[in-house]
Amino acid sequence: MRRAVCPGSFDPVTNGHIDIFRRAARLFDEVVVATGTNVSKNRLFSPDERMAMLREATADLPNVRVAGFTGLIVDFCREIDAVAIVKGIRGATDYEYELPMAQMNVHLTGVETVFLAGATGNVFVSSSLIKEVASFGGDVSAFVPPYVLAALGEKLPPRS
């Protein structure tokens, strides 16, 4: 079985993330969407909330499951016998950020990274931008599923 991991904070999951999950699911026998802890990022949603949203986002993908992890993603990959890490790339900045990590990961464990180009309509969308726009009452409904939009509304009450 060829297993891959799509890691991220997914705070919150966006339509761009879901597009990458779907495309990865066509390439691998099993895809594990893994949400971890990155101490350098502030989170709006708890790990349990993020995992619940991810489960809903992937419910129609039979070869995709959701898991949490701590520590290095390559250690998690080793634990579950994953052969690849799948990352969505929105542009050159993402590539420059992700490439050294991909090279370190393959050096440490032999786990390869597969980069998938983001779909045209999603390349400017990030979880951080979604949270910022939503916090000021902006309409982000085109970029997140309805259940994420509702969760954002609960976490980010309208500003007056």
C-alpha atoms as a PDB file:
ATOM      1  CA  MET A   1       0.000   0.000   0.000  1.00  0.00           C
ATOM      2  CA  ARG A   2       1.310   3.428  -0.962  1.00  0.00           C
ATOM      3  CA  ARG A   3       0.428   5.773   1.905  1.00  0.00           C
ATOM      4  CA  ALA A   4       0.973   9.541   1.899  1.00  0.00           C
ATOM      5  CA  VAL A   5       0.538  12.223   4.526  1.00  0.00           C
ATOM      6  CA  CYS A   6      -0.915  15.705   3.958  1.00  0.00           C
ATOM      7  CA  PRO A   7       0.306  17.613   7.027  1.00  0.00           C
ATOM      8  CA  GLY A   8      -0.745  21.034   8.195  1.00  0.00           C
ATOM      9  CA  SER A   9      -2.313  23.117  10.890  1.00  0.00           C
ATOM     10  CA  PHE A  10      -5.564  23.534   8.914  1.00  0.00           C
ATOM     11  CA  ASP A  11      -6.699  26.415  11.125  1.00  0.00           C
ATOM     12  CA  PRO A  12      -9.171  26.374   9.459  1.00  0.00           C
ATOM     13  CA  VAL A  13      -9.329  23.952   6.550  1.00  0.00           C
ATOM     14  CA  THR A  14     -10.015  25.753   3.259  1.00  0.00           C
ATOM     15  CA  ASN A  15     -11.327  24.710  -0.140  1.00  0.00           C
ATOM     16  CA  GLY A  16      -7.710  24.841  -1.328  1.00  0.00           C
ATOM     17  CA  HIS A  17      -6.696  22.237   1.262  1.00  0.00           C
ATOM     18  CA  ILE A  18      -9.645  20.047   0.302  1.00  0.00           C
ATOM     19  CA  ASP A  19      -8.641  20.254  -3.367  1.00  0.00           C
ATOM     20  CA  ILE A  20      -5.163  18.970  -2.447  1.00  0.00           C
ATOM     21  CA  PHE A  21      -6.672  16.127  -0.355  1.00  0.00           C
ATOM     22  CA  ARG A  22      -8.859  15.053  -3.293  1.00  0.00           C
ATOM     23  CA  ARG A  23      -6.005  15.128  -5.770  1.00  0.00           C
ATOM     24  CA  ALA A  24      -3.656  13.271  -3.411  1.00  0.00           C
ATOM     25  CA  ALA A  25      -6.361  10.632  -2.876  1.00  0.00           C
ATOM     26  CA  ARG A  26      -6.238   9.881  -6.618  1.00  0.00           C
ATOM     27  CA  LEU A  27      -2.452   9.410  -6.491  1.00  0.00           C
ATOM     28  CA  PHE A  28      -2.061   7.213  -3.398  1.00  0.00           C
ATOM     29  CA  ASP A  29      -3.784   4.156  -1.971  1.00  0.00           C
ATOM     30  CA  GLU A  30      -4.289   5.948   1.334  1.00  0.00           C
ATOM     31  CA  VAL A  31      -3.884   9.565   2.392  1.00  0.00           C
ATOM     32  CA  VAL A  32      -3.605  10.592   6.022  1.00  0.00           C
ATOM     33  CA  VAL A  33      -4.515  14.215   6.641  1.00  0.00           C
ATOM     34  CA  ALA A  34      -2.415  15.001   9.701  1.00  0.00           C
ATOM     35  CA  THR A  35      -2.797  18.057  11.855  1.00  0.00           C
ATOM     36  CA  GLY A  36      -0.021  18.836  14.252  1.00  0.00           C
ATOM     37  CA  THR A  37       1.182  21.398  16.707  1.00  0.00           C
ATOM     38  CA  ASN A  38       3.396  24.214  15.478  1.00  0.00           C
ATOM     39  CA  VAL A  39       4.415  26.370  18.426  1.00  0.00           C
ATOM     40  CA  SER A  40       5.233  29.298  16.141  1.00  0.00           C
ATOM     41  CA  LYS A  41       1.590  29.703  15.091  1.00  0.00           C
ATOM     42  CA  ASN A  42      -1.376  30.969  17.094  1.00  0.00           C
ATOM     43  CA  ARG A  43      -4.450  28.789  16.671  1.00  0.00           C
ATOM     44  CA  LEU A  44      -8.072  29.893  16.476  1.00  0.00           C
ATOM     45  CA  PHE A  45      -9.420  26.339  16.621  1.00  0.00           C
ATOM     46  CA  SER A  46      -8.464  23.608  19.082  1.00  0.00           C
ATOM     47  CA  PRO A  47      -6.930  20.360  17.817  1.00  0.00           C
ATOM     48  CA  ASP A  48     -10.271  18.570  18.334  1.00  0.00           C
ATOM     49  CA  GLU A  49     -12.168  21.266  16.408  1.00  0.00           C
ATOM     50  CA  ARG A  50      -9.669  21.132  13.534  1.00  0.00           C
ATOM     51  CA  MET A  51      -9.831  17.335  13.388  1.00  0.00           C
ATOM     52  CA  ALA A  52     -13.652  17.429  13.350  1.00  0.00           C
ATOM     53  CA  MET A  53     -13.632  19.906  10.445  1.00  0.00           C
ATOM     54  CA  LEU A  54     -11.077  17.763   8.596  1.00  0.00           C
ATOM     55  CA  ARG A  55     -13.193  14.634   9.098  1.00  0.00           C
ATOM     56  CA  GLU A  56     -16.179  16.439   7.617  1.00  0.00           C
ATOM     57  CA  ALA A  57     -14.037  17.757   4.751  1.00  0.00           C
ATOM     58  CA  THR A  58     -12.843  14.252   3.851  1.00  0.00           C
ATOM     59  CA  ALA A  59     -15.994  12.256   4.658  1.00  0.00           C
ATOM     60  CA  ASP A  60     -16.649  11.496   0.975  1.00  0.00           C
ATOM     61  CA  LEU A  61     -13.085  10.273   0.342  1.00  0.00           C
ATOM     62  CA  PRO A  62     -12.947   6.588   1.327  1.00  0.00           C
ATOM     63  CA  ASN A  63      -9.156   6.335   1.176  1.00  0.00           C
ATOM     64  CA  VAL A  64      -8.530   9.423   3.325  1.00  0.00           C
ATOM     65  CA  ARG A  65      -8.357   9.451   7.109  1.00  0.00           C
ATOM     66  CA  VAL A  66      -7.579  12.158   9.639  1.00  0.00           C
ATOM     67  CA  ALA A  67      -4.997  11.903  12.419  1.00  0.00           C
ATOM     68  CA  GLY A  68      -3.232  14.150  14.878  1.00  0.00           C
ATOM     69  CA  PHE A  69       0.505  14.114  15.483  1.00  0.00           C
ATOM     70  CA  THR A  70       3.161  15.752  17.599  1.00  0.00           C
ATOM     71  CA  GLY A  71       6.839  16.145  16.830  1.00  0.00           C
ATOM     72  CA  LEU A  72       8.440  15.819  13.422  1.00  0.00           C
ATOM     73  CA  ILE A  73       6.236  14.906  10.493  1.00  0.00           C
ATOM     74  CA  VAL A  74       8.862  12.440   9.248  1.00  0.00           C
ATOM     75  CA  ASP A  75       8.667  10.538  12.539  1.00  0.00           C
ATOM     76  CA  PHE A  76       4.892  10.332  12.107  1.00  0.00           C
ATOM     77  CA  CYS A  77       5.416   9.153   8.510  1.00  0.00           C
ATOM     78  CA  ARG A  78       7.765   6.455   9.734  1.00  0.00           C
ATOM     79  CA  GLU A  79       5.261   5.335  12.404  1.00  0.00           C
ATOM     80  CA  ILE A  80       2.496   4.823   9.843  1.00  0.00           C
ATOM     81  CA  ASP A  81       4.730   3.599   6.968  1.00  0.00           C
ATOM     82  CA  ALA A  82       4.020   6.576   4.714  1.00  0.00           C
ATOM     83  CA  VAL A  83       6.189   6.870   1.611  1.00  0.00           C
ATOM     84  CA  ALA A  84       5.433  10.510   0.847  1.00  0.00           C
ATOM     85  CA  ILE A  85       4.396  13.868   2.198  1.00  0.00           C
ATOM     86  CA  VAL A  86       2.005  15.820  -0.031  1.00  0.00           C
ATOM     87  CA  LYS A  87       2.113  19.604   0.094  1.00  0.00           C
ATOM     88  CA  GLY A  88       0.074  22.128  -1.844  1.00  0.00           C
ATOM     89  CA  ILE A  89       2.122  24.937  -3.366  1.00  0.00           C
ATOM     90  CA  ARG A  90       0.483  28.283  -4.128  1.00  0.00           C
ATOM     91  CA  GLY A  91       3.514  29.961  -5.628  1.00  0.00           C
ATOM     92  CA  ALA A  92       7.238  30.601  -5.474  1.00  0.00           C
ATOM     93  CA  THR A  93       7.167  31.744  -1.853  1.00  0.00           C
ATOM     94  CA  ASP A  94       5.583  28.449  -0.738  1.00  0.00           C
ATOM     95  CA  TYR A  95       8.108  26.517  -2.796  1.00  0.00           C
ATOM     96  CA  GLU A  96      11.059  28.384  -1.300  1.00  0.00           C
ATOM     97  CA  TYR A  97       9.679  27.751   2.194  1.00  0.00           C
ATOM     98  CA  GLU A  98       8.827  24.064   1.609  1.00  0.00           C
ATOM     99  CA  LEU A  99      11.883  22.946  -0.407  1.00  0.00           C
ATOM    100  CA  PRO A 100      14.455  22.989   2.432  1.00  0.00           C
ATOM    101  CA  MET A 101      12.022  21.064   4.650  1.00  0.00           C
ATOM    102  CA  ALA A 102      11.462  18.516   1.891  1.00  0.00           C
ATOM    103  CA  GLN A 103      15.201  18.095   1.461  1.00  0.00           C
ATOM    104  CA  MET A 104      15.726  17.680   5.211  1.00  0.00           C
ATOM    105  CA  ASN A 105      12.869  15.173   5.429  1.00  0.00           C
ATOM    106  CA  VAL A 106      14.277  12.982   2.670  1.00  0.00           C
ATOM    107  CA  HIS A 107      17.739  13.241   4.244  1.00  0.00           C
ATOM    108  CA  LEU A 108      16.431  12.194   7.667  1.00  0.00           C
ATOM    109  CA  THR A 109      14.164   9.332   6.624  1.00  0.00           C
ATOM    110  CA  GLY A 110      13.959   8.881   2.876  1.00  0.00           C
ATOM    111  CA  VAL A 111      10.346  10.103   2.871  1.00  0.00           C
ATOM    112  CA  GLU A 112       9.817  12.057  -0.339  1.00  0.00           C
ATOM    113  CA  THR A 113       7.712  15.206  -0.690  1.00  0.00           C
ATOM    114  CA  VAL A 114       5.271  15.568  -3.555  1.00  0.00           C
ATOM    115  CA  PHE A 115       4.314  19.139  -4.420  1.00  0.00           C
ATOM    116  CA  LEU A 116       0.895  19.751  -5.968  1.00  0.00           C
ATOM    117  CA  ALA A 117       0.228  23.125  -7.545  1.00  0.00           C
ATOM    118  CA  GLY A 118      -2.743  24.893  -6.021  1.00  0.00           C
ATOM    119  CA  ALA A 119      -5.796  25.348  -8.206  1.00  0.00           C
ATOM    120  CA  THR A 120      -5.988  28.784  -9.822  1.00  0.00           C
ATOM    121  CA  GLY A 121      -8.966  29.937  -7.757  1.00  0.00           C
ATOM    122  CA  ASN A 122      -7.251  29.041  -4.489  1.00  0.00           C
ATOM    123  CA  VAL A 123      -3.667  30.240  -4.931  1.00  0.00           C
ATOM    124  CA  PHE A 124      -4.130  33.439  -2.946  1.00  0.00           C
ATOM    125  CA  VAL A 125      -6.086  31.824  -0.107  1.00  0.00           C
ATOM    126  CA  SER A 126      -4.479  30.884   3.205  1.00  0.00           C
ATOM    127  CA  SER A 127      -5.956  29.987   6.576  1.00  0.00           C
ATOM    128  CA  SER A 128      -4.363  33.124   8.027  1.00  0.00           C
ATOM    129  CA  LEU A 129      -5.959  35.335   5.378  1.00  0.00           C
ATOM    130  CA  ILE A 130      -9.333  33.636   5.888  1.00  0.00           C
ATOM    131  CA  LYS A 131      -9.172  34.338   9.637  1.00  0.00           C
ATOM    132  CA  GLU A 132      -8.106  37.943   9.109  1.00  0.00           C
ATOM    133  CA  VAL A 133     -10.812  38.746   6.565  1.00  0.00           C
ATOM    134  CA  ALA A 134     -13.488  36.930   8.583  1.00  0.00           C
ATOM    135  CA  SER A 135     -12.468  38.751  11.770  1.00  0.00           C
ATOM    136  CA  PHE A 136     -13.370  42.043  10.080  1.00  0.00           C
ATOM    137  CA  GLY A 137     -16.674  40.750   8.766  1.00  0.00           C
ATOM    138  CA  GLY A 138     -15.470  40.030   5.233  1.00  0.00           C
ATOM    139  CA  ASP A 139     -17.194  37.366   3.156  1.00  0.00           C
ATOM    140  CA  VAL A 140     -15.008  34.245   2.940  1.00  0.00           C
ATOM    141  CA  SER A 141     -17.836  31.893   1.920  1.00  0.00           C
ATOM    142  CA  ALA A 142     -16.262  31.217  -1.495  1.00  0.00           C
ATOM    143  CA  PHE A 143     -13.105  29.850   0.125  1.00  0.00           C
ATOM    144  CA  VAL A 144     -14.303  27.557   2.920  1.00  0.00           C
ATOM    145  CA  PRO A 145     -17.008  24.915   3.287  1.00  0.00           C
ATOM    146  CA  PRO A 146     -20.250  25.987   5.008  1.00  0.00           C
ATOM    147  CA  TYR A 147     -19.404  24.219   8.293  1.00  0.00           C
ATOM    148  CA  VAL A 148     -16.099  26.120   8.479  1.00  0.00           C
ATOM    149  CA  LEU A 149     -17.909  29.380   7.752  1.00  0.00           C
ATOM    150  CA  ALA A 150     -20.293  28.631  10.630  1.00  0.00           C
ATOM    151  CA  ALA A 151     -17.408  27.775  12.965  1.00  0.00           C
ATOM    152  CA  LEU A 152     -15.653  31.022  12.041  1.00  0.00           C
ATOM    153  CA  GLY A 153     -18.848  32.913  12.843  1.00  0.00           C
ATOM    154  CA  GLU A 154     -18.929  31.322  16.288  1.00  0.00           C
ATOM    155  CA  LYS A 155     -15.249  32.039  17.011  1.00  0.00           C
ATOM    156  CA  LEU A 156     -15.124  35.497  15.457  1.00  0.00           C
ATOM    157  CA  PRO A 157     -18.215  37.451  16.472  1.00  0.00           C
ATOM    158  CA  PRO A 158     -19.046  40.401  14.219  1.00  0.00           C
ATOM    159  CA  ARG A 159     -17.217  43.620  15.044  1.00  0.00           C
ATOM    160  CA  SER A 160     -19.258  46.719  15.593  1.00  0.00           C
END
